[in-house]
Amino acid sequence: MSTSTLKSEQARLTDQDRELILATQEGLPLVSDPWGELGRQLGMPADDVLSRFQHMQETGVIRRVAAVPDHYKLGYRFNGMTVWDVSDDAISTMGQQVGDLPFVSHCYRRPRHLPYWSFNLFAMVHGTSREEVEHKAAQIRELLGDTCSGHTILYSSAILKKTGLRLRKQADKP
């Protein structure tokens, strides 16, 4: 989404949208009915909360609502971004198949930067050991078959803080 498109979408955020984004910047409430809890906090019906989020997703204001697990706390201390050189005519199909693997947390296509970087498919896998990550990469390699002419694994060396959409609180209106 271009900056001008994003600014246009921001201009169309309702006061309710802003309240919902501000209320969820640190995450959804960890309860069985997060939409109902947000509704109670903001004085909105749960159905309205959910429909506002769906509208913001449809218009591109937000990309998705998803859990962001702390892999380290779950014991997954080895994180490998597997990168693949997949033929252009197969990348859409193969990317979908790789992304559907249960152990791939995210998968996306990126442009090559030849002659320095030939990889165009990225798939993140997590493991409790380096061997586990390499085993999962071998499964991806088998799936890709002849459509792939090379790959490597880039291991994480630091934990980066992940954050979602952030809005500044507006000054009180006169």
C-alpha atoms as a PDB file:
ATOM      1  CA  MET A   1       0.000   0.000   0.000  1.00  0.00           C
ATOM      2  CA  SER A   2       1.447   3.363  -0.958  1.00  0.00           C
ATOM      3  CA  THR A   3       1.945   6.124   1.601  1.00  0.00           C
ATOM      4  CA  SER A   4      -0.745   8.258  -0.037  1.00  0.00           C
ATOM      5  CA  THR A   5      -3.192   5.340   0.005  1.00  0.00           C
ATOM      6  CA  LEU A   6      -2.393   4.647   3.654  1.00  0.00           C
ATOM      7  CA  LYS A   7      -2.896   8.310   4.559  1.00  0.00           C
ATOM      8  CA  SER A   8      -6.191   8.247   2.665  1.00  0.00           C
ATOM      9  CA  GLU A   9      -7.287   5.183   4.652  1.00  0.00           C
ATOM     10  CA  GLN A  10      -6.148   6.793   7.920  1.00  0.00           C
ATOM     11  CA  ALA A  11      -8.274   9.806   7.114  1.00  0.00           C
ATOM     12  CA  ARG A  12     -11.275   7.471   6.804  1.00  0.00           C
ATOM     13  CA  LEU A  13     -10.766   5.823  10.178  1.00  0.00           C
ATOM     14  CA  THR A  14     -13.782   6.401  12.348  1.00  0.00           C
ATOM     15  CA  ASP A  15     -13.439   7.357  15.985  1.00  0.00           C
ATOM     16  CA  GLN A  16     -14.499   3.790  16.811  1.00  0.00           C
ATOM     17  CA  ASP A  17     -11.746   2.393  14.553  1.00  0.00           C
ATOM     18  CA  ARG A  18      -9.149   4.530  16.311  1.00  0.00           C
ATOM     19  CA  GLU A  19     -10.443   3.435  19.728  1.00  0.00           C
ATOM     20  CA  LEU A  20     -10.248  -0.231  18.684  1.00  0.00           C
ATOM     21  CA  ILE A  21      -6.712   0.115  17.332  1.00  0.00           C
ATOM     22  CA  LEU A  22      -5.552   1.973  20.442  1.00  0.00           C
ATOM     23  CA  ALA A  23      -7.202  -0.612  22.703  1.00  0.00           C
ATOM     24  CA  THR A  24      -5.486  -3.504  20.915  1.00  0.00           C
ATOM     25  CA  GLN A  25      -2.003  -2.113  20.236  1.00  0.00           C
ATOM     26  CA  GLU A  26      -0.595  -4.311  22.988  1.00  0.00           C
ATOM     27  CA  GLY A  27      -2.714  -7.293  21.891  1.00  0.00           C
ATOM     28  CA  LEU A  28      -6.212  -8.652  22.192  1.00  0.00           C
ATOM     29  CA  PRO A  29      -7.572  -9.437  25.648  1.00  0.00           C
ATOM     30  CA  LEU A  30      -6.629 -13.017  26.593  1.00  0.00           C
ATOM     31  CA  VAL A  31     -10.174 -14.180  27.273  1.00  0.00           C
ATOM     32  CA  SER A  32     -12.533 -16.636  25.559  1.00  0.00           C
ATOM     33  CA  ASP A  33     -14.450 -13.776  23.855  1.00  0.00           C
ATOM     34  CA  PRO A  34     -11.964 -10.982  23.006  1.00  0.00           C
ATOM     35  CA  TRP A  35     -14.485  -9.179  20.763  1.00  0.00           C
ATOM     36  CA  GLY A  36     -17.049  -9.105  23.558  1.00  0.00           C
ATOM     37  CA  GLU A  37     -14.440  -7.917  26.074  1.00  0.00           C
ATOM     38  CA  LEU A  38     -13.333  -5.102  23.756  1.00  0.00           C
ATOM     39  CA  GLY A  39     -16.977  -4.202  23.240  1.00  0.00           C
ATOM     40  CA  ARG A  40     -17.533  -4.016  26.993  1.00  0.00           C
ATOM     41  CA  GLN A  41     -14.432  -1.848  27.432  1.00  0.00           C
ATOM     42  CA  LEU A  42     -15.469   0.539  24.648  1.00  0.00           C
ATOM     43  CA  GLY A  43     -19.257   0.453  24.999  1.00  0.00           C
ATOM     44  CA  MET A  44     -19.817  -1.328  21.654  1.00  0.00           C
ATOM     45  CA  PRO A  45     -21.648  -4.555  20.777  1.00  0.00           C
ATOM     46  CA  ALA A  46     -19.235  -7.457  20.113  1.00  0.00           C
ATOM     47  CA  ASP A  47     -20.629  -7.832  16.566  1.00  0.00           C
ATOM     48  CA  ASP A  48     -19.728  -4.188  15.834  1.00  0.00           C
ATOM     49  CA  VAL A  49     -16.183  -4.730  17.134  1.00  0.00           C
ATOM     50  CA  LEU A  50     -15.717  -7.731  14.854  1.00  0.00           C
ATOM     51  CA  SER A  51     -17.281  -6.030  11.824  1.00  0.00           C
ATOM     52  CA  ARG A  52     -15.061  -2.934  12.310  1.00  0.00           C
ATOM     53  CA  PHE A  53     -11.947  -5.130  12.336  1.00  0.00           C
ATOM     54  CA  GLN A  54     -13.176  -6.990   9.242  1.00  0.00           C
ATOM     55  CA  HIS A  55     -13.799  -3.680   7.449  1.00  0.00           C
ATOM     56  CA  MET A  56     -10.332  -2.375   8.361  1.00  0.00           C
ATOM     57  CA  GLN A  57      -8.846  -5.610   7.033  1.00  0.00           C
ATOM     58  CA  GLU A  58     -10.861  -5.445   3.784  1.00  0.00           C
ATOM     59  CA  THR A  59      -9.774  -1.848   3.164  1.00  0.00           C
ATOM     60  CA  GLY A  60      -6.122  -2.590   3.926  1.00  0.00           C
ATOM     61  CA  VAL A  61      -5.861  -0.520   7.100  1.00  0.00           C
ATOM     62  CA  ILE A  62      -4.803  -3.687   8.902  1.00  0.00           C
ATOM     63  CA  ARG A  63      -3.382  -6.778   7.271  1.00  0.00           C
ATOM     64  CA  ARG A  64      -4.583  -9.392   9.720  1.00  0.00           C
ATOM     65  CA  VAL A  65      -5.410 -10.212  13.295  1.00  0.00           C
ATOM     66  CA  ALA A  66      -3.163 -13.033  14.439  1.00  0.00           C
ATOM     67  CA  ALA A  67      -1.374 -14.502  17.414  1.00  0.00           C
ATOM     68  CA  VAL A  68       2.314 -13.648  17.680  1.00  0.00           C
ATOM     69  CA  PRO A  69       3.826 -16.390  19.815  1.00  0.00           C
ATOM     70  CA  ASP A  70       7.073 -15.959  21.676  1.00  0.00           C
ATOM     71  CA  HIS A  71       8.920 -18.903  20.149  1.00  0.00           C
ATOM     72  CA  TYR A  72      11.729 -18.671  22.680  1.00  0.00           C
ATOM     73  CA  LYS A  73       9.369 -19.060  25.652  1.00  0.00           C
ATOM     74  CA  LEU A  74       7.836 -22.076  23.899  1.00  0.00           C
ATOM     75  CA  GLY A  75      11.260 -23.727  23.608  1.00  0.00           C
ATOM     76  CA  TYR A  76      11.860 -22.966  19.921  1.00  0.00           C
ATOM     77  CA  ARG A  77      15.261 -21.317  20.194  1.00  0.00           C
ATOM     78  CA  PHE A  78      16.432 -22.025  16.637  1.00  0.00           C
ATOM     79  CA  ASN A  79      14.797 -19.888  13.975  1.00  0.00           C
ATOM     80  CA  GLY A  80      15.720 -20.401  10.357  1.00  0.00           C
ATOM     81  CA  MET A  81      14.597 -18.274   7.461  1.00  0.00           C
ATOM     82  CA  THR A  82      14.866 -20.773   4.651  1.00  0.00           C
ATOM     83  CA  VAL A  83      15.404 -19.090   1.289  1.00  0.00           C
ATOM     84  CA  TRP A  84      14.788 -20.821  -2.021  1.00  0.00           C
ATOM     85  CA  ASP A  85      15.513 -20.223  -5.704  1.00  0.00           C
ATOM     86  CA  VAL A  86      12.240 -21.423  -7.240  1.00  0.00           C
ATOM     87  CA  SER A  87      11.467 -21.230 -10.951  1.00  0.00           C
ATOM     88  CA  ASP A  88       9.247 -18.280 -11.793  1.00  0.00           C
ATOM     89  CA  ASP A  89       6.620 -20.452 -13.487  1.00  0.00           C
ATOM     90  CA  ALA A  90       6.194 -22.569 -10.323  1.00  0.00           C
ATOM     91  CA  ILE A  91       6.597 -20.059  -7.527  1.00  0.00           C
ATOM     92  CA  SER A  92       2.901 -19.257  -7.010  1.00  0.00           C
ATOM     93  CA  THR A  93       1.896 -22.894  -6.711  1.00  0.00           C
ATOM     94  CA  MET A  94       4.935 -23.981  -4.749  1.00  0.00           C
ATOM     95  CA  GLY A  95       4.832 -20.947  -2.462  1.00  0.00           C
ATOM     96  CA  GLN A  96       1.250 -21.812  -1.523  1.00  0.00           C
ATOM     97  CA  GLN A  97       2.220 -25.417  -0.810  1.00  0.00           C
ATOM     98  CA  VAL A  98       5.217 -24.419   1.303  1.00  0.00           C
ATOM     99  CA  GLY A  99       3.126 -21.854   3.192  1.00  0.00           C
ATOM    100  CA  ASP A 100       0.554 -24.565   3.944  1.00  0.00           C
ATOM    101  CA  LEU A 101       3.116 -26.763   5.711  1.00  0.00           C
ATOM    102  CA  PRO A 102       2.242 -26.937   9.423  1.00  0.00           C
ATOM    103  CA  PHE A 103       5.766 -26.016  10.535  1.00  0.00           C
ATOM    104  CA  VAL A 104       6.119 -22.900   8.326  1.00  0.00           C
ATOM    105  CA  SER A 105       5.128 -19.833  10.347  1.00  0.00           C
ATOM    106  CA  HIS A 106       5.248 -17.458   7.392  1.00  0.00           C
ATOM    107  CA  CYS A 107       6.104 -17.712   3.725  1.00  0.00           C
ATOM    108  CA  TYR A 108       6.405 -15.052   1.054  1.00  0.00           C
ATOM    109  CA  ARG A 109       7.822 -14.223  -2.344  1.00  0.00           C
ATOM    110  CA  ARG A 110      10.548 -11.606  -2.784  1.00  0.00           C
ATOM    111  CA  PRO A 111      12.359 -10.363  -5.884  1.00  0.00           C
ATOM    112  CA  ARG A 112      15.731 -11.729  -6.801  1.00  0.00           C
ATOM    113  CA  HIS A 113      18.694  -9.335  -6.927  1.00  0.00           C
ATOM    114  CA  LEU A 114      20.969 -11.006  -9.439  1.00  0.00           C
ATOM    115  CA  PRO A 115      23.807 -11.730  -9.525  1.00  0.00           C
ATOM    116  CA  TYR A 116      24.079 -11.336  -5.729  1.00  0.00           C
ATOM    117  CA  TRP A 117      20.828 -12.875  -4.507  1.00  0.00           C
ATOM    118  CA  SER A 118      19.006 -15.586  -6.449  1.00  0.00           C
ATOM    119  CA  PHE A 119      16.437 -16.525  -3.815  1.00  0.00           C
ATOM    120  CA  ASN A 120      12.790 -15.604  -4.379  1.00  0.00           C
ATOM    121  CA  LEU A 121      10.837 -17.706  -1.852  1.00  0.00           C
ATOM    122  CA  PHE A 122      11.242 -17.245   1.907  1.00  0.00           C
ATOM    123  CA  ALA A 123       9.817 -19.600   4.544  1.00  0.00           C
ATOM    124  CA  MET A 124      10.404 -19.233   8.291  1.00  0.00           C
ATOM    125  CA  VAL A 125      10.690 -22.379  10.381  1.00  0.00           C
ATOM    126  CA  HIS A 126      11.361 -22.755  14.097  1.00  0.00           C
ATOM    127  CA  GLY A 127      12.863 -25.647  16.014  1.00  0.00           C
ATOM    128  CA  THR A 128      14.170 -26.730  19.373  1.00  0.00           C
ATOM    129  CA  SER A 129      17.504 -27.561  17.720  1.00  0.00           C
ATOM    130  CA  ARG A 130      19.453 -26.688  14.595  1.00  0.00           C
ATOM    131  CA  GLU A 131      18.951 -30.270  13.435  1.00  0.00           C
ATOM    132  CA  GLU A 132      15.171 -29.882  13.684  1.00  0.00           C
ATOM    133  CA  VAL A 133      15.257 -26.746  11.529  1.00  0.00           C
ATOM    134  CA  GLU A 134      17.462 -28.525   8.978  1.00  0.00           C
ATOM    135  CA  HIS A 135      15.087 -31.514   8.936  1.00  0.00           C
ATOM    136  CA  LYS A 136      12.148 -29.195   8.212  1.00  0.00           C
ATOM    137  CA  ALA A 137      14.165 -27.473   5.474  1.00  0.00           C
ATOM    138  CA  ALA A 138      14.852 -30.894   3.947  1.00  0.00           C
ATOM    139  CA  GLN A 139      11.099 -31.519   3.841  1.00  0.00           C
ATOM    140  CA  ILE A 140      10.594 -28.222   2.006  1.00  0.00           C
ATOM    141  CA  ARG A 141      13.406 -29.146  -0.405  1.00  0.00           C
ATOM    142  CA  GLU A 142      11.719 -32.463  -1.144  1.00  0.00           C
ATOM    143  CA  LEU A 143       8.385 -30.743  -1.754  1.00  0.00           C
ATOM    144  CA  LEU A 144       9.939 -28.194  -4.132  1.00  0.00           C
ATOM    145  CA  GLY A 145      11.678 -30.901  -6.142  1.00  0.00           C
ATOM    146  CA  ASP A 146      12.913 -29.870  -9.594  1.00  0.00           C
ATOM    147  CA  THR A 147      11.324 -26.411  -9.285  1.00  0.00           C
ATOM    148  CA  CYS A 148      14.141 -25.399  -6.917  1.00  0.00           C
ATOM    149  CA  SER A 149      17.734 -24.821  -7.980  1.00  0.00           C
ATOM    150  CA  GLY A 150      19.215 -23.726  -4.662  1.00  0.00           C
ATOM    151  CA  HIS A 151      18.578 -22.773  -1.060  1.00  0.00           C
ATOM    152  CA  THR A 152      20.145 -21.833   2.239  1.00  0.00           C
ATOM    153  CA  ILE A 153      19.086 -21.232   5.818  1.00  0.00           C
ATOM    154  CA  LEU A 154      19.626 -17.900   7.547  1.00  0.00           C
ATOM    155  CA  TYR A 155      19.574 -18.380  11.320  1.00  0.00           C
ATOM    156  CA  SER A 156      18.400 -15.659  13.695  1.00  0.00           C
ATOM    157  CA  SER A 157      21.148 -14.147  15.810  1.00  0.00           C
ATOM    158  CA  ALA A 158      18.996 -11.739  17.836  1.00  0.00           C
ATOM    159  CA  ILE A 159      15.438 -11.433  19.068  1.00  0.00           C
ATOM    160  CA  LEU A 160      13.629  -8.493  17.515  1.00  0.00           C
ATOM    161  CA  LYS A 161      10.572  -6.956  19.090  1.00  0.00           C
ATOM    162  CA  LYS A 162       7.513  -7.477  16.912  1.00  0.00           C
ATOM    163  CA  THR A 163       4.812  -4.854  16.953  1.00  0.00           C
ATOM    164  CA  GLY A 164       1.681  -4.276  14.965  1.00  0.00           C
ATOM    165  CA  LEU A 165      -0.131  -1.165  13.848  1.00  0.00           C
ATOM    166  CA  ARG A 166       0.514   1.802  16.128  1.00  0.00           C
ATOM    167  CA  LEU A 167      -1.425   5.055  16.296  1.00  0.00           C
ATOM    168  CA  ARG A 168      -0.594   8.124  18.292  1.00  0.00           C
ATOM    169  CA  LYS A 169      -3.302   9.223  20.645  1.00  0.00           C
ATOM    170  CA  GLN A 170      -4.981  12.348  19.350  1.00  0.00           C
ATOM    171  CA  ALA A 171      -5.093  15.413  21.516  1.00  0.00           C
ATOM    172  CA  ASP A 172      -8.483  16.014  23.036  1.00  0.00           C
ATOM    173  CA  LYS A 173     -10.769  17.756  20.603  1.00  0.00           C
ATOM    174  CA  PRO A 174     -12.075  21.154  21.724  1.00  0.00           C
END
